[in-house]
PDB file of N, CA and C in Angstrom:
ATOM      1  N   MET A   1      12.330  -7.332 -21.585  1.00  0.00           N
ATOM      2  CA  MET A   1      13.024  -7.052 -20.292  1.00  0.00           C
ATOM      3  C   MET A   1      13.436  -5.517 -20.586  1.00  0.00           C
ATOM      4  N   ILE A   2      13.886  -5.378 -21.847  1.00  0.00           N
ATOM      5  CA  ILE A   2      14.608  -4.096 -22.212  1.00  0.00           C
ATOM      6  C   ILE A   2      13.476  -3.057 -22.054  1.00  0.00           C
ATOM      7  N   ALA A   3      12.270  -3.188 -22.454  1.00  0.00           N
ATOM      8  CA  ALA A   3      11.138  -2.334 -22.349  1.00  0.00           C
ATOM      9  C   ALA A   3      10.925  -1.942 -20.947  1.00  0.00           C
ATOM     10  N   ALA A   4      11.120  -2.782 -20.050  1.00  0.00           N
ATOM     11  CA  ALA A   4      10.764  -2.606 -18.717  1.00  0.00           C
ATOM     12  C   ALA A   4      11.831  -1.449 -18.090  1.00  0.00           C
ATOM     13  N   TRP A   5      12.953  -1.684 -18.578  1.00  0.00           N
ATOM     14  CA  TRP A   5      14.103  -0.675 -18.429  1.00  0.00           C
ATOM     15  C   TRP A   5      13.944   0.410 -18.753  1.00  0.00           C
ATOM     16  N   LEU A   6      13.597   0.480 -20.221  1.00  0.00           N
ATOM     17  CA  LEU A   6      13.186   1.875 -20.799  1.00  0.00           C
ATOM     18  C   LEU A   6      12.026   2.710 -20.185  1.00  0.00           C
ATOM     19  N   SER A   7      11.014   2.113 -19.546  1.00  0.00           N
ATOM     20  CA  SER A   7       9.964   2.537 -18.909  1.00  0.00           C
ATOM     21  C   SER A   7      10.581   3.126 -17.297  1.00  0.00           C
ATOM     22  N   VAL A   8      11.679   2.884 -16.846  1.00  0.00           N
ATOM     23  CA  VAL A   8      12.287   3.352 -15.714  1.00  0.00           C
ATOM     24  C   VAL A   8      13.029   4.421 -16.300  1.00  0.00           C
ATOM     25  N   LEU A   9      13.901   4.175 -17.351  1.00  0.00           N
ATOM     26  CA  LEU A   9      14.824   5.422 -17.605  1.00  0.00           C
ATOM     27  C   LEU A   9      13.871   6.539 -18.022  1.00  0.00           C
ATOM     28  N   GLY A  10      12.471   6.319 -18.808  1.00  0.00           N
ATOM     29  CA  GLY A  10      11.837   7.494 -19.293  1.00  0.00           C
ATOM     30  C   GLY A  10      11.245   8.081 -18.029  1.00  0.00           C
ATOM     31  N   TYR A  11      10.990   7.371 -17.118  1.00  0.00           N
ATOM     32  CA  TYR A  11      10.037   8.135 -15.931  1.00  0.00           C
ATOM     33  C   TYR A  11      11.100   8.673 -15.142  1.00  0.00           C
ATOM     34  N   MET A  12      12.250   8.188 -15.148  1.00  0.00           N
ATOM     35  CA  MET A  12      13.209   9.118 -14.306  1.00  0.00           C
ATOM     36  C   MET A  12      13.510  10.478 -15.075  1.00  0.00           C
ATOM     37  N   GLY A  13      13.451  10.172 -16.444  1.00  0.00           N
ATOM     38  CA  GLY A  13      13.677  11.447 -17.254  1.00  0.00           C
ATOM     39  C   GLY A  13      12.417  12.499 -17.050  1.00  0.00           C
ATOM     40  N   LEU A  14      11.064  11.970 -16.870  1.00  0.00           N
ATOM     41  CA  LEU A  14      10.028  12.813 -16.654  1.00  0.00           C
ATOM     42  C   LEU A  14      10.090  13.386 -15.400  1.00  0.00           C
ATOM     43  N   ILE A  15      10.623  12.654 -14.164  1.00  0.00           N
ATOM     44  CA  ILE A  15      11.010  13.320 -13.047  1.00  0.00           C
ATOM     45  C   ILE A  15      12.046  14.253 -12.904  1.00  0.00           C
ATOM     46  N   PHE A  16      12.929  14.059 -13.732  1.00  0.00           N
ATOM     47  CA  PHE A  16      14.127  15.094 -14.031  1.00  0.00           C
ATOM     48  C   PHE A  16      13.769  16.376 -14.343  1.00  0.00           C
ATOM     49  N   ALA A  17      12.928  16.378 -15.596  1.00  0.00           N
ATOM     50  CA  ALA A  17      11.995  17.352 -16.273  1.00  0.00           C
ATOM     51  C   ALA A  17      11.223  18.041 -15.279  1.00  0.00           C
ATOM     52  N   LEU A  18      10.427  17.411 -14.596  1.00  0.00           N
ATOM     53  CA  LEU A  18       9.521  18.012 -13.541  1.00  0.00           C
ATOM     54  C   LEU A  18      10.390  18.965 -12.593  1.00  0.00           C
ATOM     55  N   SER A  19      11.559  18.238 -12.260  1.00  0.00           N
ATOM     56  CA  SER A  19      12.532  18.925 -11.083  1.00  0.00           C
ATOM     57  C   SER A  19      12.918  20.151 -11.599  1.00  0.00           C
ATOM     58  N   ALA A  20      13.160  19.966 -12.894  1.00  0.00           N
ATOM     59  CA  ALA A  20      13.972  21.114 -13.533  1.00  0.00           C
ATOM     60  C   ALA A  20      13.000  22.394 -13.496  1.00  0.00           C
ATOM     61  N   SER A  21      11.630  22.123 -13.505  1.00  0.00           N
ATOM     62  CA  SER A  21      10.710  23.382 -13.739  1.00  0.00           C
ATOM     63  C   SER A  21      10.854  24.324 -12.566  1.00  0.00           C
ATOM     64  N   SER A  22      10.960  25.648 -12.705  1.00  0.00           N
ATOM     65  CA  SER A  22      11.037  26.420 -11.334  1.00  0.00           C
ATOM     66  C   SER A  22       9.354  27.023 -11.420  1.00  0.00           C
ATOM     67  N   LEU A  23       8.579  26.292 -12.225  1.00  0.00           N
ATOM     68  CA  LEU A  23       7.124  26.944 -12.215  1.00  0.00           C
ATOM     69  C   LEU A  23       6.492  26.744 -11.030  1.00  0.00           C
ATOM     70  N   HIS A  24       6.037  27.754 -10.339  1.00  0.00           N
ATOM     71  CA  HIS A  24       5.392  27.520  -9.037  1.00  0.00           C
ATOM     72  C   HIS A  24       4.057  28.380  -9.113  1.00  0.00           C
ATOM     73  N   THR A  25       2.980  27.507  -8.978  1.00  0.00           N
ATOM     74  CA  THR A  25       1.688  28.580  -9.124  1.00  0.00           C
ATOM     75  C   THR A  25       1.290  28.693  -7.500  1.00  0.00           C
ATOM     76  N   PRO A  26       0.030  29.392  -7.550  1.00  0.00           N
ATOM     77  CA  PRO A  26      -0.229  29.477  -5.893  1.00  0.00           C
ATOM     78  C   PRO A  26      -0.606  28.429  -5.335  1.00  0.00           C
ATOM     79  N   PHE A  27      -1.473  27.488  -6.107  1.00  0.00           N
ATOM     80  CA  PHE A  27      -1.801  25.907  -5.688  1.00  0.00           C
ATOM     81  C   PHE A  27      -0.544  25.154  -5.070  1.00  0.00           C
ATOM     82  N   PHE A  28       0.659  25.160  -5.780  1.00  0.00           N
ATOM     83  CA  PHE A  28       1.633  24.631  -5.251  1.00  0.00           C
ATOM     84  C   PHE A  28       2.599  25.357  -4.196  1.00  0.00           C
ATOM     85  N   LYS A  29       2.576  26.592  -4.060  1.00  0.00           N
ATOM     86  CA  LYS A  29       3.041  27.355  -2.935  1.00  0.00           C
ATOM     87  C   LYS A  29       2.195  27.038  -1.710  1.00  0.00           C
ATOM     88  N   ASN A  30       0.913  26.800  -1.571  1.00  0.00           N
ATOM     89  CA  ASN A  30      -0.071  26.558  -0.619  1.00  0.00           C
ATOM     90  C   ASN A  30       0.084  24.926  -0.337  1.00  0.00           C
ATOM     91  N   ALA A  31       0.197  24.051  -1.250  1.00  0.00           N
ATOM     92  CA  ALA A  31       0.439  22.771  -1.056  1.00  0.00           C
ATOM     93  C   ALA A  31       1.722  22.572  -0.351  1.00  0.00           C
ATOM     94  N   GLN A  32       2.908  23.111  -0.404  1.00  0.00           N
ATOM     95  CA  GLN A  32       3.982  23.069   0.179  1.00  0.00           C
ATOM     96  C   GLN A  32       3.662  23.476   1.837  1.00  0.00           C
ATOM     97  N   LYS A  33       3.038  24.545   1.976  1.00  0.00           N
ATOM     98  CA  LYS A  33       2.834  25.039   3.259  1.00  0.00           C
ATOM     99  C   LYS A  33       2.070  24.029   4.235  1.00  0.00           C
ATOM    100  N   ILE A  34       1.200  23.328   3.615  1.00  0.00           N
ATOM    101  CA  ILE A  34       0.584  22.077   4.304  1.00  0.00           C
ATOM    102  C   ILE A  34       1.180  20.631   3.953  1.00  0.00           C
ATOM    103  N   HIS A  35       2.137  20.672   3.556  1.00  0.00           N
ATOM    104  CA  HIS A  35       2.760  19.577   3.094  1.00  0.00           C
ATOM    105  C   HIS A  35       1.985  18.671   2.257  1.00  0.00           C
ATOM    106  N   LEU A  36       1.154  18.965   1.319  1.00  0.00           N
ATOM    107  CA  LEU A  36       0.541  18.257   0.557  1.00  0.00           C
ATOM    108  C   LEU A  36       1.521  17.791  -0.641  1.00  0.00           C
ATOM    109  N   ASP A  37       2.434  18.467  -0.914  1.00  0.00           N
ATOM    110  CA  ASP A  37       3.636  18.277  -1.831  1.00  0.00           C
ATOM    111  C   ASP A  37       4.248  16.804  -1.526  1.00  0.00           C
ATOM    112  N   TRP A  38       4.237  16.509  -0.126  1.00  0.00           N
ATOM    113  CA  TRP A  38       4.790  15.031   0.057  1.00  0.00           C
ATOM    114  C   TRP A  38       4.059  14.098  -0.275  1.00  0.00           C
ATOM    115  N   LEU A  39       2.665  14.090  -0.412  1.00  0.00           N
ATOM    116  CA  LEU A  39       1.814  13.197  -1.196  1.00  0.00           C
ATOM    117  C   LEU A  39       2.078  13.173  -2.657  1.00  0.00           C
ATOM    118  N   ALA A  40       2.447  14.102  -3.040  1.00  0.00           N
ATOM    119  CA  ALA A  40       3.034  13.959  -4.696  1.00  0.00           C
ATOM    120  C   ALA A  40       4.199  13.595  -4.599  1.00  0.00           C
ATOM    121  N   HIS A  41       4.982  13.602  -3.940  1.00  0.00           N
ATOM    122  CA  HIS A  41       6.627  12.747  -3.727  1.00  0.00           C
ATOM    123  C   HIS A  41       6.129  11.065  -3.583  1.00  0.00           C
ATOM    124  N   ILE A  42       5.264  11.044  -2.591  1.00  0.00           N
ATOM    125  CA  ILE A  42       4.851   9.650  -2.556  1.00  0.00           C
ATOM    126  C   ILE A  42       4.291   8.825  -3.669  1.00  0.00           C
ATOM    127  N   VAL A  43       3.153   9.279  -4.292  1.00  0.00           N
ATOM    128  CA  VAL A  43       2.771   9.131  -5.660  1.00  0.00           C
ATOM    129  C   VAL A  43       3.876   8.958  -6.673  1.00  0.00           C
ATOM    130  N   GLU A  44       4.645  10.102  -6.930  1.00  0.00           N
ATOM    131  CA  GLU A  44       5.561   9.779  -7.900  1.00  0.00           C
ATOM    132  C   GLU A  44       6.442   8.651  -7.729  1.00  0.00           C
ATOM    133  N   TYR A  45       7.117   8.371  -6.696  1.00  0.00           N
ATOM    134  CA  TYR A  45       8.106   7.493  -6.326  1.00  0.00           C
ATOM    135  C   TYR A  45       7.452   6.238  -6.023  1.00  0.00           C
ATOM    136  N   ALA A  46       6.091   6.137  -5.917  1.00  0.00           N
ATOM    137  CA  ALA A  46       5.480   4.709  -5.660  1.00  0.00           C
ATOM    138  C   ALA A  46       5.479   4.110  -6.960  1.00  0.00           C
ATOM    139  N   PHE A  47       5.332   5.081  -8.230  1.00  0.00           N
ATOM    140  CA  PHE A  47       5.113   4.586  -9.510  1.00  0.00           C
ATOM    141  C   PHE A  47       6.701   4.112  -9.968  1.00  0.00           C
ATOM    142  N   LEU A  48       7.768   5.176  -9.361  1.00  0.00           N
ATOM    143  CA  LEU A  48       9.106   4.794  -9.810  1.00  0.00           C
ATOM    144  C   LEU A  48       9.374   3.272  -9.045  1.00  0.00           C
ATOM    145  N   GLY A  49       8.924   3.134  -7.927  1.00  0.00           N
ATOM    146  CA  GLY A  49       9.206   1.823  -7.372  1.00  0.00           C
ATOM    147  C   GLY A  49       8.663   0.815  -8.085  1.00  0.00           C
ATOM    148  N   PHE A  50       7.491   0.693  -8.320  1.00  0.00           N
ATOM    149  CA  PHE A  50       6.819  -0.194  -9.223  1.00  0.00           C
ATOM    150  C   PHE A  50       7.433  -0.426 -10.417  1.00  0.00           C
ATOM    151  N   LEU A  51       7.587   0.463 -11.287  1.00  0.00           N
ATOM    152  CA  LEU A  51       8.559   0.225 -12.423  1.00  0.00           C
ATOM    153  C   LEU A  51       9.994  -0.352 -12.106  1.00  0.00           C
ATOM    154  N   LEU A  52      10.878   0.110 -10.803  1.00  0.00           N
ATOM    155  CA  LEU A  52      12.038  -0.608 -10.743  1.00  0.00           C
ATOM    156  C   LEU A  52      11.968  -1.897 -10.277  1.00  0.00           C
ATOM    157  N   VAL A  53      11.030  -2.381  -9.322  1.00  0.00           N
ATOM    158  CA  VAL A  53      10.783  -3.828  -8.987  1.00  0.00           C
ATOM    159  C   VAL A  53      10.508  -4.679 -10.108  1.00  0.00           C
ATOM    160  N   ARG A  54       9.661  -4.163 -11.129  1.00  0.00           N
ATOM    161  CA  ARG A  54       9.147  -4.921 -12.295  1.00  0.00           C
ATOM    162  C   ARG A  54      10.468  -5.112 -13.087  1.00  0.00           C
ATOM    163  N   ALA A  55      11.145  -4.184 -13.481  1.00  0.00           N
ATOM    164  CA  ALA A  55      12.364  -4.297 -14.226  1.00  0.00           C
ATOM    165  C   ALA A  55      13.551  -5.279 -13.703  1.00  0.00           C
ATOM    166  N   LEU A  56      13.721  -5.014 -12.362  1.00  0.00           N
ATOM    167  CA  LEU A  56      14.600  -5.883 -11.833  1.00  0.00           C
ATOM    168  C   LEU A  56      14.073  -7.111 -11.581  1.00  0.00           C
ATOM    169  N   LYS A  57      13.255  -7.481 -11.308  1.00  0.00           N
ATOM    170  CA  LYS A  57      12.580  -9.067 -11.478  1.00  0.00           C
ATOM    171  C   LYS A  57      12.719  -9.554 -12.911  1.00  0.00           C
ATOM    172  N   ARG A  58      12.440  -8.548 -13.770  1.00  0.00           N
ATOM    173  CA  ARG A  58      12.490  -9.122 -15.033  1.00  0.00           C
ATOM    174  C   ARG A  58      13.767  -9.715 -15.824  1.00  0.00           C
ATOM    175  N   SER A  59      14.768  -8.728 -15.224  1.00  0.00           N
ATOM    176  CA  SER A  59      15.965  -8.780 -15.783  1.00  0.00           C
ATOM    177  C   SER A  59      16.959  -9.955 -14.769  1.00  0.00           C
ATOM    178  N   THR A  60      16.570 -10.033 -13.636  1.00  0.00           N
ATOM    179  CA  THR A  60      17.172 -10.705 -12.474  1.00  0.00           C
ATOM    180  C   THR A  60      15.918 -11.635 -11.833  1.00  0.00           C
ATOM    181  N   PRO A  61      15.366 -12.432 -12.430  1.00  0.00           N
ATOM    182  CA  PRO A  61      14.413 -13.480 -12.065  1.00  0.00           C
ATOM    183  C   PRO A  61      14.658 -14.162 -10.654  1.00  0.00           C
ATOM    184  N   ARG A  62      16.095 -14.461 -10.287  1.00  0.00           N
ATOM    185  CA  ARG A  62      16.197 -14.907  -9.051  1.00  0.00           C
ATOM    186  C   ARG A  62      16.118 -14.203  -7.870  1.00  0.00           C
ATOM    187  N   LEU A  63      16.222 -12.740  -8.389  1.00  0.00           N
ATOM    188  CA  LEU A  63      16.556 -11.913  -7.270  1.00  0.00           C
ATOM    189  C   LEU A  63      14.937 -11.811  -6.672  1.00  0.00           C
ATOM    190  N   ALA A  64      14.864 -12.017  -5.132  1.00  0.00           N
ATOM    191  CA  ALA A  64      13.535 -12.049  -4.340  1.00  0.00           C
ATOM    192  C   ALA A  64      13.605 -11.618  -3.244  1.00  0.00           C
ATOM    193  N   GLY A  65      12.505 -11.316  -2.385  1.00  0.00           N
ATOM    194  CA  GLY A  65      12.425 -11.024  -1.229  1.00  0.00           C
ATOM    195  C   GLY A  65      13.262  -9.643  -0.614  1.00  0.00           C
ATOM    196  N   ALA A  66      13.839  -9.692   0.180  1.00  0.00           N
ATOM    197  CA  ALA A  66      14.611  -8.828   0.894  1.00  0.00           C
ATOM    198  C   ALA A  66      15.873  -8.249  -0.048  1.00  0.00           C
ATOM    199  N   GLY A  67      16.357  -9.059  -0.811  1.00  0.00           N
ATOM    200  CA  GLY A  67      17.518  -8.584  -1.823  1.00  0.00           C
ATOM    201  C   GLY A  67      16.727  -7.674  -2.959  1.00  0.00           C
ATOM    202  N   LEU A  68      15.616  -8.217  -3.503  1.00  0.00           N
ATOM    203  CA  LEU A  68      14.934  -7.291  -4.514  1.00  0.00           C
ATOM    204  C   LEU A  68      14.431  -6.156  -3.976  1.00  0.00           C
ATOM    205  N   TYR A  69      13.708  -5.915  -2.635  1.00  0.00           N
ATOM    206  CA  TYR A  69      13.443  -4.800  -2.001  1.00  0.00           C
ATOM    207  C   TYR A  69      14.610  -4.028  -1.812  1.00  0.00           C
ATOM    208  N   ALA A  70      15.750  -4.640  -1.430  1.00  0.00           N
ATOM    209  CA  ALA A  70      16.906  -3.426  -0.998  1.00  0.00           C
ATOM    210  C   ALA A  70      17.334  -3.021  -2.425  1.00  0.00           C
ATOM    211  N   ALA A  71      17.525  -3.885  -3.310  1.00  0.00           N
ATOM    212  CA  ALA A  71      18.148  -3.334  -4.678  1.00  0.00           C
ATOM    213  C   ALA A  71      17.113  -2.301  -5.108  1.00  0.00           C
ATOM    214  N   VAL A  72      15.954  -2.219  -5.078  1.00  0.00           N
ATOM    215  CA  VAL A  72      14.950  -1.316  -5.464  1.00  0.00           C
ATOM    216  C   VAL A  72      15.043  -0.125  -4.442  1.00  0.00           C
ATOM    217  N   LEU A  73      15.089   0.052  -3.456  1.00  0.00           N
ATOM    218  CA  LEU A  73      15.321   0.809  -2.430  1.00  0.00           C
ATOM    219  C   LEU A  73      16.679   1.612  -2.576  1.00  0.00           C
ATOM    220  N   ALA A  74      17.535   0.815  -2.661  1.00  0.00           N
ATOM    221  CA  ALA A  74      18.901   1.509  -3.012  1.00  0.00           C
ATOM    222  C   ALA A  74      18.987   2.195  -4.274  1.00  0.00           C
ATOM    223  N   THR A  75      18.477   1.859  -5.444  1.00  0.00           N
ATOM    224  CA  THR A  75      18.751   2.351  -6.513  1.00  0.00           C
ATOM    225  C   THR A  75      17.328   3.558  -6.557  1.00  0.00           C
ATOM    226  N   GLY A  76      16.485   3.391  -6.084  1.00  0.00           N
ATOM    227  CA  GLY A  76      15.321   4.535  -5.988  1.00  0.00           C
ATOM    228  C   GLY A  76      15.928   5.744  -4.955  1.00  0.00           C
ATOM    229  N   ILE A  77      16.492   5.180  -3.820  1.00  0.00           N
ATOM    230  CA  ILE A  77      16.985   6.316  -3.006  1.00  0.00           C
ATOM    231  C   ILE A  77      18.290   7.063  -3.390  1.00  0.00           C
ATOM    232  N   PHE A  78      19.049   6.445  -3.911  1.00  0.00           N
ATOM    233  CA  PHE A  78      20.022   6.986  -4.756  1.00  0.00           C
ATOM    234  C   PHE A  78      19.633   8.326  -5.860  1.00  0.00           C
ATOM    235  N   TYR A  79      18.405   7.803  -6.910  1.00  0.00           N
ATOM    236  CA  TYR A  79      18.034   8.598  -7.864  1.00  0.00           C
ATOM    237  C   TYR A  79      17.409   9.685  -7.087  1.00  0.00           C
ATOM    238  N   ALA A  80      16.524   9.592  -5.991  1.00  0.00           N
ATOM    239  CA  ALA A  80      15.785  10.509  -5.279  1.00  0.00           C
ATOM    240  C   ALA A  80      16.927  11.468  -4.573  1.00  0.00           C
ATOM    241  N   ALA A  81      17.955  11.077  -4.022  1.00  0.00           N
ATOM    242  CA  ALA A  81      19.040  11.830  -3.710  1.00  0.00           C
ATOM    243  C   ALA A  81      19.658  12.947  -4.586  1.00  0.00           C
ATOM    244  N   THR A  82      19.984  12.436  -5.864  1.00  0.00           N
ATOM    245  CA  THR A  82      20.195  12.912  -7.030  1.00  0.00           C
ATOM    246  C   THR A  82      19.190  13.969  -7.529  1.00  0.00           C
ATOM    247  N   ASP A  83      18.115  13.725  -7.538  1.00  0.00           N
ATOM    248  CA  ASP A  83      16.788  14.706  -7.654  1.00  0.00           C
ATOM    249  C   ASP A  83      16.789  15.861  -6.961  1.00  0.00           C
ATOM    250  N   GLU A  84      17.235  15.643  -5.397  1.00  0.00           N
ATOM    251  CA  GLU A  84      16.827  16.629  -4.660  1.00  0.00           C
ATOM    252  C   GLU A  84      18.252  17.604  -4.705  1.00  0.00           C
ATOM    253  N   TYR A  85      19.306  16.778  -5.022  1.00  0.00           N
ATOM    254  CA  TYR A  85      20.625  17.535  -5.478  1.00  0.00           C
ATOM    255  C   TYR A  85      20.502  18.595  -6.414  1.00  0.00           C
ATOM    256  N   HIS A  86      19.753  18.041  -7.594  1.00  0.00           N
ATOM    257  CA  HIS A  86      19.436  18.509  -8.887  1.00  0.00           C
ATOM    258  C   HIS A  86      18.659  19.975  -8.393  1.00  0.00           C
ATOM    259  N   GLN A  87      17.513  19.926  -7.831  1.00  0.00           N
ATOM    260  CA  GLN A  87      16.546  20.614  -7.500  1.00  0.00           C
ATOM    261  C   GLN A  87      17.453  21.855  -6.619  1.00  0.00           C
ATOM    262  N   SER A  88      18.164  21.795  -6.044  1.00  0.00           N
ATOM    263  CA  SER A  88      19.172  22.690  -5.347  1.00  0.00           C
ATOM    264  C   SER A  88      19.549  23.868  -6.234  1.00  0.00           C
ATOM    265  N   PHE A  89      19.728  23.434  -7.599  1.00  0.00           N
ATOM    266  CA  PHE A  89      20.210  24.441  -8.442  1.00  0.00           C
ATOM    267  C   PHE A  89      19.127  25.051  -9.356  1.00  0.00           C
ATOM    268  N   VAL A  90      17.905  24.851  -9.277  1.00  0.00           N
ATOM    269  CA  VAL A  90      16.900  25.191  -9.835  1.00  0.00           C
ATOM    270  C   VAL A  90      16.300  26.521  -9.213  1.00  0.00           C
ATOM    271  N   PRO A  91      16.256  27.611  -9.792  1.00  0.00           N
ATOM    272  CA  PRO A  91      15.535  28.944  -9.329  1.00  0.00           C
ATOM    273  C   PRO A  91      14.065  28.347  -8.693  1.00  0.00           C
ATOM    274  N   THR A  92      13.932  28.921  -7.518  1.00  0.00           N
ATOM    275  CA  THR A  92      12.701  28.740  -6.659  1.00  0.00           C
ATOM    276  C   THR A  92      12.437  27.278  -6.200  1.00  0.00           C
ATOM    277  N   ARG A  93      13.418  26.303  -6.191  1.00  0.00           N
ATOM    278  CA  ARG A  93      13.256  25.016  -5.764  1.00  0.00           C
ATOM    279  C   ARG A  93      14.600  24.772  -5.082  1.00  0.00           C
ATOM    280  N   ASP A  94      14.286  23.854  -4.042  1.00  0.00           N
ATOM    281  CA  ASP A  94      15.483  23.556  -3.020  1.00  0.00           C
ATOM    282  C   ASP A  94      15.503  22.066  -2.685  1.00  0.00           C
ATOM    283  N   ALA A  95      16.387  21.487  -2.313  1.00  0.00           N
ATOM    284  CA  ALA A  95      16.484  20.108  -1.750  1.00  0.00           C
ATOM    285  C   ALA A  95      16.027  20.132  -0.463  1.00  0.00           C
ATOM    286  N   SER A  96      15.492  18.848  -0.002  1.00  0.00           N
ATOM    287  CA  SER A  96      14.619  18.790   1.158  1.00  0.00           C
ATOM    288  C   SER A  96      14.730  17.356   1.598  1.00  0.00           C
ATOM    289  N   VAL A  97      15.338  16.917   2.775  1.00  0.00           N
ATOM    290  CA  VAL A  97      15.250  15.652   3.431  1.00  0.00           C
ATOM    291  C   VAL A  97      14.072  15.179   3.705  1.00  0.00           C
ATOM    292  N   GLN A  98      12.931  16.153   4.021  1.00  0.00           N
ATOM    293  CA  GLN A  98      11.553  15.681   3.891  1.00  0.00           C
ATOM    294  C   GLN A  98      11.095  15.014   2.772  1.00  0.00           C
ATOM    295  N   ASP A  99      11.580  15.717   1.571  1.00  0.00           N
ATOM    296  CA  ASP A  99      11.015  15.075   0.486  1.00  0.00           C
ATOM    297  C   ASP A  99      11.629  14.033   0.063  1.00  0.00           C
ATOM    298  N   GLY A 100      12.847  13.549   0.796  1.00  0.00           N
ATOM    299  CA  GLY A 100      13.750  12.335   0.171  1.00  0.00           C
ATOM    300  C   GLY A 100      12.864  11.356   1.151  1.00  0.00           C
ATOM    301  N   VAL A 101      12.459  11.535   2.633  1.00  0.00           N
ATOM    302  CA  VAL A 101      11.670  10.574   3.292  1.00  0.00           C
ATOM    303  C   VAL A 101      10.473  10.288   2.406  1.00  0.00           C
ATOM    304  N   ALA A 102       9.653  11.218   1.898  1.00  0.00           N
ATOM    305  CA  ALA A 102       8.244  10.875   1.170  1.00  0.00           C
ATOM    306  C   ALA A 102       8.628  10.122  -0.014  1.00  0.00           C
ATOM    307  N   ASP A 103       9.880  10.338  -0.853  1.00  0.00           N
ATOM    308  CA  ASP A 103      10.208   9.580  -1.953  1.00  0.00           C
ATOM    309  C   ASP A 103      10.239   8.106  -1.567  1.00  0.00           C
ATOM    310  N   THR A 104      11.517   8.198  -0.224  1.00  0.00           N
ATOM    311  CA  THR A 104      11.507   6.649   0.064  1.00  0.00           C
ATOM    312  C   THR A 104      10.450   5.710   0.805  1.00  0.00           C
ATOM    313  N   ALA A 105       9.411   6.781   1.134  1.00  0.00           N
ATOM    314  CA  ALA A 105       7.858   6.072   1.249  1.00  0.00           C
ATOM    315  C   ALA A 105       7.361   5.546   0.133  1.00  0.00           C
ATOM    316  N   GLY A 106       7.127   6.546  -0.557  1.00  0.00           N
ATOM    317  CA  GLY A 106       6.810   6.135  -2.318  1.00  0.00           C
ATOM    318  C   GLY A 106       7.290   4.882  -2.780  1.00  0.00           C
ATOM    319  N   LEU A 107       8.570   4.859  -2.821  1.00  0.00           N
ATOM    320  CA  LEU A 107       9.367   3.753  -3.347  1.00  0.00           C
ATOM    321  C   LEU A 107       8.841   2.430  -2.437  1.00  0.00           C
ATOM    322  N   ALA A 108       8.762   2.345  -1.043  1.00  0.00           N
ATOM    323  CA  ALA A 108       8.318   0.996  -0.530  1.00  0.00           C
ATOM    324  C   ALA A 108       6.956   0.744  -0.749  1.00  0.00           C
ATOM    325  N   LEU A 109       5.930   1.931  -1.114  1.00  0.00           N
ATOM    326  CA  LEU A 109       4.504   1.733  -1.354  1.00  0.00           C
ATOM    327  C   LEU A 109       4.654   1.054  -2.864  1.00  0.00           C
ATOM    328  N   GLY A 110       5.432   1.460  -3.760  1.00  0.00           N
ATOM    329  CA  GLY A 110       5.441   0.659  -4.868  1.00  0.00           C
ATOM    330  C   GLY A 110       5.750  -0.561  -5.204  1.00  0.00           C
ATOM    331  N   VAL A 111       6.972  -0.916  -4.200  1.00  0.00           N
ATOM    332  CA  VAL A 111       7.297  -2.519  -4.129  1.00  0.00           C
ATOM    333  C   VAL A 111       6.082  -3.060  -3.646  1.00  0.00           C
ATOM    334  N   TRP A 112       5.449  -2.551  -2.412  1.00  0.00           N
ATOM    335  CA  TRP A 112       4.157  -3.321  -2.184  1.00  0.00           C
ATOM    336  C   TRP A 112       3.092  -3.383  -2.910  1.00  0.00           C
ATOM    337  N   LEU A 113       3.122  -2.163  -3.635  1.00  0.00           N
ATOM    338  CA  LEU A 113       1.834  -2.566  -4.814  1.00  0.00           C
ATOM    339  C   LEU A 113       2.204  -3.626  -5.970  1.00  0.00           C
ATOM    340  N   TRP A 114       3.214  -3.588  -6.282  1.00  0.00           N
ATOM    341  CA  TRP A 114       3.789  -4.630  -7.235  1.00  0.00           C
ATOM    342  C   TRP A 114       3.514  -6.007  -6.640  1.00  0.00           C
ATOM    343  N   THR A 115       3.822  -6.301  -5.314  1.00  0.00           N
ATOM    344  CA  THR A 115       3.926  -7.493  -4.714  1.00  0.00           C
ATOM    345  C   THR A 115       2.680  -8.084  -4.556  1.00  0.00           C
ATOM    346  N   ARG A 116       1.571  -7.021  -4.315  1.00  0.00           N
ATOM    347  CA  ARG A 116      -0.001  -7.318  -4.105  1.00  0.00           C
ATOM    348  C   ARG A 116      -0.474  -7.908  -5.573  1.00  0.00           C
ATOM    349  N   ARG A 117       0.133  -7.236  -6.393  1.00  0.00           N
ATOM    350  CA  ARG A 117      -0.397  -7.375  -7.652  1.00  0.00           C
ATOM    351  C   ARG A 117       0.214  -8.800  -8.135  1.00  0.00           C
ATOM    352  N   GLN A 118       1.422  -9.209  -8.006  1.00  0.00           N
ATOM    353  CA  GLN A 118       1.991 -10.442  -8.269  1.00  0.00           C
ATOM    354  C   GLN A 118       1.078 -11.323  -7.585  1.00  0.00           C
ATOM    355  N   LYS A 119       0.833 -11.213  -6.262  1.00  0.00           N
ATOM    356  CA  LYS A 119      -0.187 -12.189  -5.630  1.00  0.00           C
ATOM    357  C   LYS A 119      -1.332 -12.247  -6.106  1.00  0.00           C
ATOM    358  N   GLY A 120      -1.988 -11.366  -6.562  1.00  0.00           N
ATOM    359  CA  GLY A 120      -3.324 -11.423  -7.263  1.00  0.00           C
ATOM    360  C   GLY A 120      -3.256 -12.225  -8.445  1.00  0.00           C
ATOM    361  N   LEU A 121      -2.168 -11.876  -9.424  1.00  0.00           N
ATOM    362  CA  LEU A 121      -2.038 -12.689 -10.570  1.00  0.00           C
ATOM    363  C   LEU A 121      -2.048 -14.031 -10.383  1.00  0.00           C
ATOM    364  N   LYS A 122      -1.323 -14.555  -9.290  1.00  0.00           N
ATOM    365  CA  LYS A 122      -0.939 -15.965  -9.101  1.00  0.00           C
ATOM    366  C   LYS A 122      -2.304 -16.529  -8.597  1.00  0.00           C
ATOM    367  N   THR A 123      -3.235 -15.979  -7.835  1.00  0.00           N
ATOM    368  CA  THR A 123      -4.339 -16.242  -7.271  1.00  0.00           C
ATOM    369  C   THR A 123      -5.164 -16.772  -8.448  1.00  0.00           C
ATOM    370  N   HIS A 124      -5.206 -15.817  -9.317  1.00  0.00           N
ATOM    371  CA  HIS A 124      -6.181 -15.788 -10.599  1.00  0.00           C
ATOM    372  C   HIS A 124      -5.450 -16.993 -11.717  1.00  0.00           C
ATOM    373  N   ALA A 125      -4.548 -17.240 -11.589  1.00  0.00           N
ATOM    374  CA  ALA A 125      -3.962 -18.061 -12.403  1.00  0.00           C
ATOM    375  C   ALA A 125      -4.413 -19.632 -12.419  1.00  0.00           C
TER     376      ALA A 125
END
């Protein structure tokens, strides 16, 4: 259980470190023009959603269904909002509602992937 939460905190730290970077290569500038950066947000937060649902389920086994999903989304969206706020202070970065929407989509995807994995594990058990 502790390892699951350490994974969440470590990954949140990685997201924070990446958000603190003002490194912008031509690739990233072009990606932002055509919104490919949203795909990066979705993938980044899908992994966070997966880690969050895993940690919450291990620490609170009775939490399930809509309550589990709501807890993951509330935690993840709060973190995404603080991340966007943090970026508003980083040179060459800015806060974006669109990025927050992509982060939320990623969180939901991560929960869905975890759910699919759990169903697959039960099928093979």
